[in-house]
Every structure is written in C-alpha cells, then in structure tokens.
Amino acid sequence: AALTTYCAPCHSGSRAEVGVTLDALSSNADLGER
C-alpha cells in the first residue's frame, strides 16, 4: 500500500525499467545505502 500511495503516482512503470530486487541488494549495497 505504501508504494501504491506514495510512489506509483510519480513512478509508474519504473519497476520494469530499473529491474532492482531485494535479491540484488547484496551486489548493489551502494545503491541500497543511498
């Protein structure tokens, strides 16, 4: 619900464009920390 309310209005479709998942955080810690 947080995504639907606070993120989707500005970032619809961004999931497909970026393709970042929690499983990828171990190799993308810099992005996660930022």
PDB file of all heavy atoms in Angstrom:
ATOM      1  N   ALA A   1       0.823  -1.212   0.000  1.00  0.00           N
ATOM      2  CA  ALA A   1       0.000   0.000   0.000  1.00  0.00           C
ATOM      3  C   ALA A   1       0.852   1.255   0.000  1.00  0.00           C
ATOM      4  O   ALA A   1       0.461   2.290  -0.548  1.00  0.00           O
ATOM      5  CB  ALA A   1      -0.934  -0.001   1.202  1.00  0.00           C
ATOM      6  N   ALA A   2       2.035   1.182   0.625  1.00  0.00           N
ATOM      7  CA  ALA A   2       2.925   2.344   0.652  1.00  0.00           C
ATOM      8  C   ALA A   2       3.349   2.720  -0.755  1.00  0.00           C
ATOM      9  O   ALA A   2       3.393   3.898  -1.116  1.00  0.00           O
ATOM     10  CB  ALA A   2       4.149   2.049   1.522  1.00  0.00           C
ATOM     11  N   LEU A   3       3.687   1.721  -1.579  1.00  0.00           N
ATOM     12  CA  LEU A   3       4.077   2.008  -2.961  1.00  0.00           C
ATOM     13  C   LEU A   3       2.919   2.624  -3.721  1.00  0.00           C
ATOM     14  O   LEU A   3       3.075   3.631  -4.416  1.00  0.00           O
ATOM     15  CB  LEU A   3       4.537   0.731  -3.649  1.00  0.00           C
ATOM     16  CG  LEU A   3       4.772   0.922  -5.152  1.00  0.00           C
ATOM     17  CD1 LEU A   3       6.077   1.643  -5.404  1.00  0.00           C
ATOM     18  CD2 LEU A   3       4.750  -0.409  -5.876  1.00  0.00           C
ATOM     19  N   THR A   4       1.761   1.997  -3.591  1.00  0.00           N
ATOM     20  CA  THR A   4       0.599   2.476  -4.334  1.00  0.00           C
ATOM     21  C   THR A   4       0.289   3.919  -3.995  1.00  0.00           C
ATOM     22  O   THR A   4      -0.011   4.736  -4.866  1.00  0.00           O
ATOM     23  CB  THR A   4      -0.627   1.594  -4.020  1.00  0.00           C
ATOM     24  OG1 THR A   4      -0.321   0.238  -4.344  1.00  0.00           O
ATOM     25  CG2 THR A   4      -1.837   2.063  -4.789  1.00  0.00           C
ATOM     26  N   THR A   5       0.399   4.252  -2.718  1.00  0.00           N
ATOM     27  CA  THR A   5       0.024   5.597  -2.271  1.00  0.00           C
ATOM     28  C   THR A   5       1.100   6.626  -2.546  1.00  0.00           C
ATOM     29  O   THR A   5       0.802   7.722  -3.015  1.00  0.00           O
ATOM     30  CB  THR A   5      -0.284   5.571  -0.761  1.00  0.00           C
ATOM     31  OG1 THR A   5      -1.323   4.620  -0.515  1.00  0.00           O
ATOM     32  CG2 THR A   5      -0.717   6.949  -0.278  1.00  0.00           C
ATOM     33  N   TYR A   6       2.363   6.271  -2.300  1.00  0.00           N
ATOM     34  CA  TYR A   6       3.407   7.290  -2.259  1.00  0.00           C
ATOM     35  C   TYR A   6       4.375   7.269  -3.434  1.00  0.00           C
ATOM     36  O   TYR A   6       5.070   8.253  -3.658  1.00  0.00           O
ATOM     37  CB  TYR A   6       4.211   7.155  -0.955  1.00  0.00           C
ATOM     38  CG  TYR A   6       3.338   7.219   0.273  1.00  0.00           C
ATOM     39  CD1 TYR A   6       3.183   6.118   1.090  1.00  0.00           C
ATOM     40  CD2 TYR A   6       2.645   8.386   0.592  1.00  0.00           C
ATOM     41  CE1 TYR A   6       2.362   6.165   2.209  1.00  0.00           C
ATOM     42  CE2 TYR A   6       1.821   8.446   1.699  1.00  0.00           C
ATOM     43  CZ  TYR A   6       1.682   7.334   2.505  1.00  0.00           C
ATOM     44  OH  TYR A   6       0.870   7.384   3.608  1.00  0.00           O
ATOM     45  N   CYS A   7       4.444   6.157  -4.179  1.00  0.00           N
ATOM     46  CA  CYS A   7       5.447   6.077  -5.235  1.00  0.00           C
ATOM     47  C   CYS A   7       4.851   5.943  -6.634  1.00  0.00           C
ATOM     48  O   CYS A   7       5.343   6.558  -7.583  1.00  0.00           O
ATOM     49  CB  CYS A   7       6.381   4.900  -4.980  1.00  0.00           C
ATOM     50  SG  CYS A   7       7.219   4.990  -3.378  1.00  0.00           S
ATOM     51  N   ALA A   8       3.798   5.107  -6.757  1.00  0.00           N
ATOM     52  CA  ALA A   8       3.249   4.837  -8.081  1.00  0.00           C
ATOM     53  C   ALA A   8       2.796   6.086  -8.836  1.00  0.00           C
ATOM     54  O   ALA A   8       2.980   6.160 -10.052  1.00  0.00           O
ATOM     55  CB  ALA A   8       2.091   3.841  -7.969  1.00  0.00           C
ATOM     56  N   PRO A   9       2.192   7.098  -8.178  1.00  0.00           N
ATOM     57  CA  PRO A   9       1.747   8.263  -8.952  1.00  0.00           C
ATOM     58  C   PRO A   9       2.849   8.926  -9.764  1.00  0.00           C
ATOM     59  O   PRO A   9       2.591   9.471 -10.839  1.00  0.00           O
ATOM     60  CB  PRO A   9       1.222   9.210  -7.866  1.00  0.00           C
ATOM     61  CG  PRO A   9       0.774   8.306  -6.765  1.00  0.00           C
ATOM     62  CD  PRO A   9       1.774   7.196  -6.766  1.00  0.00           C
ATOM     63  N   CYS A  10       4.080   8.894  -9.271  1.00  0.00           N
ATOM     64  CA  CYS A  10       5.199   9.538  -9.988  1.00  0.00           C
ATOM     65  C   CYS A  10       6.058   8.558 -10.760  1.00  0.00           C
ATOM     66  O   CYS A  10       6.767   8.935 -11.678  1.00  0.00           O
ATOM     67  CB  CYS A  10       6.099  10.298  -9.009  1.00  0.00           C
ATOM     68  SG  CYS A  10       5.316  11.709  -8.223  1.00  0.00           S
ATOM     69  N   HIS A  11       6.006   7.263 -10.381  1.00  0.00           N
ATOM     70  CA  HIS A  11       6.980   6.320 -10.923  1.00  0.00           C
ATOM     71  C   HIS A  11       6.321   5.078 -11.509  1.00  0.00           C
ATOM     72  O   HIS A  11       6.885   3.992 -11.441  1.00  0.00           O
ATOM     73  CB  HIS A  11       7.960   5.900  -9.820  1.00  0.00           C
ATOM     74  CG  HIS A  11       8.652   7.047  -9.181  1.00  0.00           C
ATOM     75  ND1 HIS A  11       9.629   7.771  -9.804  1.00  0.00           N
ATOM     76  CD2 HIS A  11       8.498   7.623  -7.960  1.00  0.00           C
ATOM     77  CE1 HIS A  11      10.064   8.732  -9.011  1.00  0.00           C
ATOM     78  NE2 HIS A  11       9.385   8.665  -7.884  1.00  0.00           N
ATOM     79  N   SER A  12       5.161   5.201 -12.091  1.00  0.00           N
ATOM     80  CA  SER A  12       4.520   4.039 -12.685  1.00  0.00           C
ATOM     81  C   SER A  12       5.409   3.511 -13.808  1.00  0.00           C
ATOM     82  O   SER A  12       5.961   4.262 -14.607  1.00  0.00           O
ATOM     83  CB  SER A  12       3.140   4.422 -13.239  1.00  0.00           C
ATOM     84  OG  SER A  12       3.265   5.463 -14.189  1.00  0.00           O
ATOM     85  N   GLY A  13       5.545   2.198 -13.845  1.00  0.00           N
ATOM     86  CA  GLY A  13       6.375   1.578 -14.863  1.00  0.00           C
ATOM     87  C   GLY A  13       7.842   1.522 -14.537  1.00  0.00           C
ATOM     88  O   GLY A  13       8.613   0.932 -15.286  1.00  0.00           O
ATOM     89  N   SER A  14       8.255   2.109 -13.429  1.00  0.00           N
ATOM     90  CA  SER A  14       9.685   2.150 -13.135  1.00  0.00           C
ATOM     91  C   SER A  14      10.236   0.778 -12.770  1.00  0.00           C
ATOM     92  O   SER A  14      11.421   0.518 -12.940  1.00  0.00           O
ATOM     93  CB  SER A  14       9.980   3.131 -11.999  1.00  0.00           C
ATOM     94  OG  SER A  14       9.338   2.724 -10.810  1.00  0.00           O
ATOM     95  N   ARG A  15       9.367  -0.132 -12.295  1.00  0.00           N
ATOM     96  CA  ARG A  15       9.867  -1.450 -11.916  1.00  0.00           C
ATOM     97  C   ARG A  15      10.501  -2.144 -13.115  1.00  0.00           C
ATOM     98  O   ARG A  15      11.593  -2.675 -13.029  1.00  0.00           O
ATOM     99  CB  ARG A  15       8.722  -2.300 -11.361  1.00  0.00           C
ATOM    100  CG  ARG A  15       9.182  -3.652 -10.880  1.00  0.00           C
ATOM    101  CD  ARG A  15       8.097  -4.619 -10.501  1.00  0.00           C
ATOM    102  NE  ARG A  15       6.792  -4.037 -10.296  1.00  0.00           N
ATOM    103  CZ  ARG A  15       5.763  -4.735  -9.839  1.00  0.00           C
ATOM    104  NH1 ARG A  15       5.921  -6.000  -9.528  1.00  0.00           N
ATOM    105  NH2 ARG A  15       4.592  -4.186  -9.693  1.00  0.00           N
ATOM    106  N   ALA A  16       9.830  -2.106 -14.270  1.00  0.00           N
ATOM    107  CA  ALA A  16      10.358  -2.769 -15.450  1.00  0.00           C
ATOM    108  C   ALA A  16      11.614  -2.089 -15.964  1.00  0.00           C
ATOM    109  O   ALA A  16      12.541  -2.726 -16.465  1.00  0.00           O
ATOM    110  CB  ALA A  16       9.294  -2.790 -16.548  1.00  0.00           C
ATOM    111  N   GLU A  17      11.667  -0.765 -15.844  1.00  0.00           N
ATOM    112  CA  GLU A  17      12.811  -0.026 -16.367  1.00  0.00           C
ATOM    113  C   GLU A  17      14.057  -0.262 -15.543  1.00  0.00           C
ATOM    114  O   GLU A  17      15.158  -0.334 -16.069  1.00  0.00           O
ATOM    115  CB  GLU A  17      12.500   1.475 -16.382  1.00  0.00           C
ATOM    116  CG  GLU A  17      11.419   1.864 -17.387  1.00  0.00           C
ATOM    117  CD  GLU A  17      11.136   3.347 -17.317  1.00  0.00           C
ATOM    118  OE1 GLU A  17      12.093   4.126 -17.165  1.00  0.00           O
ATOM    119  OE2 GLU A  17       9.966   3.732 -17.410  1.00  0.00           O
ATOM    120  N   VAL A  18      13.914  -0.355 -14.233  1.00  0.00           N
ATOM    121  CA  VAL A  18      15.079  -0.438 -13.374  1.00  0.00           C
ATOM    122  C   VAL A  18      15.443  -1.886 -13.056  1.00  0.00           C
ATOM    123  O   VAL A  18      16.597  -2.272 -13.087  1.00  0.00           O
ATOM    124  CB  VAL A  18      14.846   0.352 -12.071  1.00  0.00           C
ATOM    125  CG1 VAL A  18      16.067   0.272 -11.178  1.00  0.00           C
ATOM    126  CG2 VAL A  18      14.521   1.800 -12.410  1.00  0.00           C
ATOM    127  N   GLY A  19      14.450  -2.693 -12.733  1.00  0.00           N
ATOM    128  CA  GLY A  19      14.697  -4.107 -12.512  1.00  0.00           C
ATOM    129  C   GLY A  19      15.542  -4.424 -11.297  1.00  0.00           C
ATOM    130  O   GLY A  19      16.359  -5.345 -11.318  1.00  0.00           O
ATOM    131  N   VAL A  20      15.369  -3.679 -10.221  1.00  0.00           N
ATOM    132  CA  VAL A  20      16.122  -3.936  -8.996  1.00  0.00           C
ATOM    133  C   VAL A  20      15.241  -4.720  -8.032  1.00  0.00           C
ATOM    134  O   VAL A  20      14.090  -4.374  -7.820  1.00  0.00           O
ATOM    135  CB  VAL A  20      16.574  -2.624  -8.340  1.00  0.00           C
ATOM    136  CG1 VAL A  20      17.301  -2.914  -7.029  1.00  0.00           C
ATOM    137  CG2 VAL A  20      17.472  -1.851  -9.288  1.00  0.00           C
ATOM    138  N   THR A  21      15.776  -5.792  -7.454  1.00  0.00           N
ATOM    139  CA  THR A  21      15.039  -6.572  -6.472  1.00  0.00           C
ATOM    140  C   THR A  21      15.852  -6.665  -5.193  1.00  0.00           C
ATOM    141  O   THR A  21      17.046  -6.393  -5.172  1.00  0.00           O
ATOM    142  CB  THR A  21      14.767  -8.003  -6.989  1.00  0.00           C
ATOM    143  OG1 THR A  21      16.010  -8.687  -7.080  1.00  0.00           O
ATOM    144  CG2 THR A  21      14.084  -7.967  -8.344  1.00  0.00           C
ATOM    145  N   LEU A  22      15.194  -7.090  -4.140  1.00  0.00           N
ATOM    146  CA  LEU A  22      15.907  -7.277  -2.876  1.00  0.00           C
ATOM    147  C   LEU A  22      17.015  -8.309  -3.026  1.00  0.00           C
ATOM    148  O   LEU A  22      18.060  -8.208  -2.383  1.00  0.00           O
ATOM    149  CB  LEU A  22      14.929  -7.710  -1.782  1.00  0.00           C
ATOM    150  CG  LEU A  22      14.010  -6.619  -1.238  1.00  0.00           C
ATOM    151  CD1 LEU A  22      13.093  -7.203  -0.176  1.00  0.00           C
ATOM    152  CD2 LEU A  22      14.798  -5.459  -0.676  1.00  0.00           C
ATOM    153  N   ASP A  23      16.801  -9.309  -3.892  1.00  0.00           N
ATOM    154  CA  ASP A  23      17.825 -10.330  -4.090  1.00  0.00           C
ATOM    155  C   ASP A  23      19.113  -9.737  -4.649  1.00  0.00           C
ATOM    156  O   ASP A  23      20.195 -10.292  -4.474  1.00  0.00           O
ATOM    157  CB  ASP A  23      17.317 -11.416  -5.041  1.00  0.00           C
ATOM    158  CG  ASP A  23      16.197 -12.238  -4.425  1.00  0.00           C
ATOM    159  OD1 ASP A  23      16.118 -12.256  -3.173  1.00  0.00           O
ATOM    160  OD2 ASP A  23      15.425 -12.847  -5.177  1.00  0.00           O
ATOM    161  N   ALA A  24      18.998  -8.600  -5.342  1.00  0.00           N
ATOM    162  CA  ALA A  24      20.178  -7.981  -5.956  1.00  0.00           C
ATOM    163  C   ALA A  24      20.916  -7.048  -5.008  1.00  0.00           C
ATOM    164  O   ALA A  24      21.993  -6.554  -5.340  1.00  0.00           O
ATOM    165  CB  ALA A  24      19.766  -7.208  -7.203  1.00  0.00           C
ATOM    166  N   LEU A  25      20.375  -6.813  -3.824  1.00  0.00           N
ATOM    167  CA  LEU A  25      20.992  -5.833  -2.931  1.00  0.00           C
ATOM    168  C   LEU A  25      22.373  -6.256  -2.462  1.00  0.00           C
ATOM    169  O   LEU A  25      23.222  -5.408  -2.183  1.00  0.00           O
ATOM    170  CB  LEU A  25      20.096  -5.591  -1.719  1.00  0.00           C
ATOM    171  CG  LEU A  25      18.877  -4.704  -1.975  1.00  0.00           C
ATOM    172  CD1 LEU A  25      18.051  -4.602  -0.713  1.00  0.00           C
ATOM    173  CD2 LEU A  25      19.293  -3.324  -2.446  1.00  0.00           C
ATOM    174  N   SER A  26      22.615  -7.555  -2.347  1.00  0.00           N
ATOM    175  CA  SER A  26      23.925  -7.996  -1.885  1.00  0.00           C
ATOM    176  C   SER A  26      25.026  -7.577  -2.848  1.00  0.00           C
ATOM    177  O   SER A  26      26.179  -7.416  -2.457  1.00  0.00           O
ATOM    178  CB  SER A  26      23.936  -9.517  -1.703  1.00  0.00           C
ATOM    179  OG  SER A  26      23.641 -10.156  -2.935  1.00  0.00           O
ATOM    180  N   SER A  27      24.675  -7.391  -4.126  1.00  0.00           N
ATOM    181  CA  SER A  27      25.666  -6.951  -5.106  1.00  0.00           C
ATOM    182  C   SER A  27      25.497  -5.481  -5.455  1.00  0.00           C
ATOM    183  O   SER A  27      26.212  -4.966  -6.304  1.00  0.00           O
ATOM    184  CB  SER A  27      25.555  -7.792  -6.384  1.00  0.00           C
ATOM    185  OG  SER A  27      24.257  -7.646  -6.951  1.00  0.00           O
ATOM    186  N   ASN A  28      24.567  -4.809  -4.794  1.00  0.00           N
ATOM    187  CA  ASN A  28      24.326  -3.389  -5.084  1.00  0.00           C
ATOM    188  C   ASN A  28      24.114  -2.648  -3.774  1.00  0.00           C
ATOM    189  O   ASN A  28      23.171  -1.867  -3.635  1.00  0.00           O
ATOM    190  CB  ASN A  28      23.100  -3.243  -5.982  1.00  0.00           C
ATOM    191  CG  ASN A  28      23.164  -1.978  -6.823  1.00  0.00           C
ATOM    192  OD1 ASN A  28      23.995  -1.109  -6.587  1.00  0.00           O
ATOM    193  ND2 ASN A  28      22.276  -1.887  -7.799  1.00  0.00           N
ATOM    194  N   ALA A  29      25.014  -2.893  -2.819  1.00  0.00           N
ATOM    195  CA  ALA A  29      24.857  -2.293  -1.496  1.00  0.00           C
ATOM    196  C   ALA A  29      24.945  -0.780  -1.542  1.00  0.00           C
ATOM    197  O   ALA A  29      24.267  -0.092  -0.778  1.00  0.00           O
ATOM    198  CB  ALA A  29      25.920  -2.851  -0.547  1.00  0.00           C
ATOM    199  N   ASP A  30      25.758  -0.243  -2.439  1.00  0.00           N
ATOM    200  CA  ASP A  30      25.894   1.206  -2.526  1.00  0.00           C
ATOM    201  C   ASP A  30      24.551   1.850  -2.855  1.00  0.00           C
ATOM    202  O   ASP A  30      24.150   2.841  -2.236  1.00  0.00           O
ATOM    203  CB  ASP A  30      26.937   1.573  -3.581  1.00  0.00           C
ATOM    204  CG  ASP A  30      27.098   3.075  -3.729  1.00  0.00           C
ATOM    205  OD1 ASP A  30      27.483   3.730  -2.746  1.00  0.00           O
ATOM    206  OD2 ASP A  30      26.829   3.601  -4.824  1.00  0.00           O
ATOM    207  N   LEU A  31      23.843   1.277  -3.823  1.00  0.00           N
ATOM    208  CA  LEU A  31      22.532   1.793  -4.192  1.00  0.00           C
ATOM    209  C   LEU A  31      21.561   1.691  -3.022  1.00  0.00           C
ATOM    210  O   LEU A  31      20.844   2.641  -2.694  1.00  0.00           O
ATOM    211  CB  LEU A  31      22.004   1.003  -5.384  1.00  0.00           C
ATOM    212  CG  LEU A  31      20.587   1.345  -5.862  1.00  0.00           C
ATOM    213  CD1 LEU A  31      20.504   2.790  -6.312  1.00  0.00           C
ATOM    214  CD2 LEU A  31      20.186   0.405  -6.997  1.00  0.00           C
ATOM    215  N   GLY A  32      21.559   0.528  -2.366  1.00  0.00           N
ATOM    216  CA  GLY A  32      20.649   0.343  -1.244  1.00  0.00           C
ATOM    217  C   GLY A  32      20.904   1.318  -0.119  1.00  0.00           C
ATOM    218  O   GLY A  32      19.964   1.870   0.463  1.00  0.00           O
ATOM    219  N   GLU A  33      22.179   1.575   0.193  1.00  0.00           N
ATOM    220  CA  GLU A  33      22.500   2.504   1.280  1.00  0.00           C
ATOM    221  C   GLU A  33      22.118   3.933   0.902  1.00  0.00           C
ATOM    222  O   GLU A  33      21.659   4.703   1.761  1.00  0.00           O
ATOM    223  CB  GLU A  33      23.975   2.423   1.638  1.00  0.00           C
ATOM    224  CG  GLU A  33      24.427   1.087   2.217  1.00  0.00           C
ATOM    225  CD  GLU A  33      23.823   0.772   3.582  1.00  0.00           C
ATOM    226  OE1 GLU A  33      23.189   1.664   4.184  1.00  0.00           O
ATOM    227  OE2 GLU A  33      23.990  -0.370   4.046  1.00  0.00           O
ATOM    228  N   ARG A  34      22.299   4.316  -0.358  1.00  0.00           N
ATOM    229  CA  ARG A  34      21.913   5.668  -0.769  1.00  0.00           C
ATOM    230  C   ARG A  34      20.405   5.866  -0.669  1.00  0.00           C
ATOM    231  O   ARG A  34      19.928   6.914  -0.245  1.00  0.00           O
ATOM    232  CB  ARG A  34      22.406   5.951  -2.188  1.00  0.00           C
ATOM    233  CG  ARG A  34      23.907   6.187  -2.259  1.00  0.00           C
ATOM    234  CD  ARG A  34      24.347   6.683  -3.619  1.00  0.00           C
ATOM    235  NE  ARG A  34      24.339   5.631  -4.615  1.00  0.00           N
ATOM    236  CZ  ARG A  34      23.619   5.648  -5.724  1.00  0.00           C
ATOM    237  NH1 ARG A  34      22.801   6.665  -5.964  1.00  0.00           N
ATOM    238  NH2 ARG A  34      23.680   4.663  -6.599  1.00  0.00           N
TER     239      ARG A  34
END
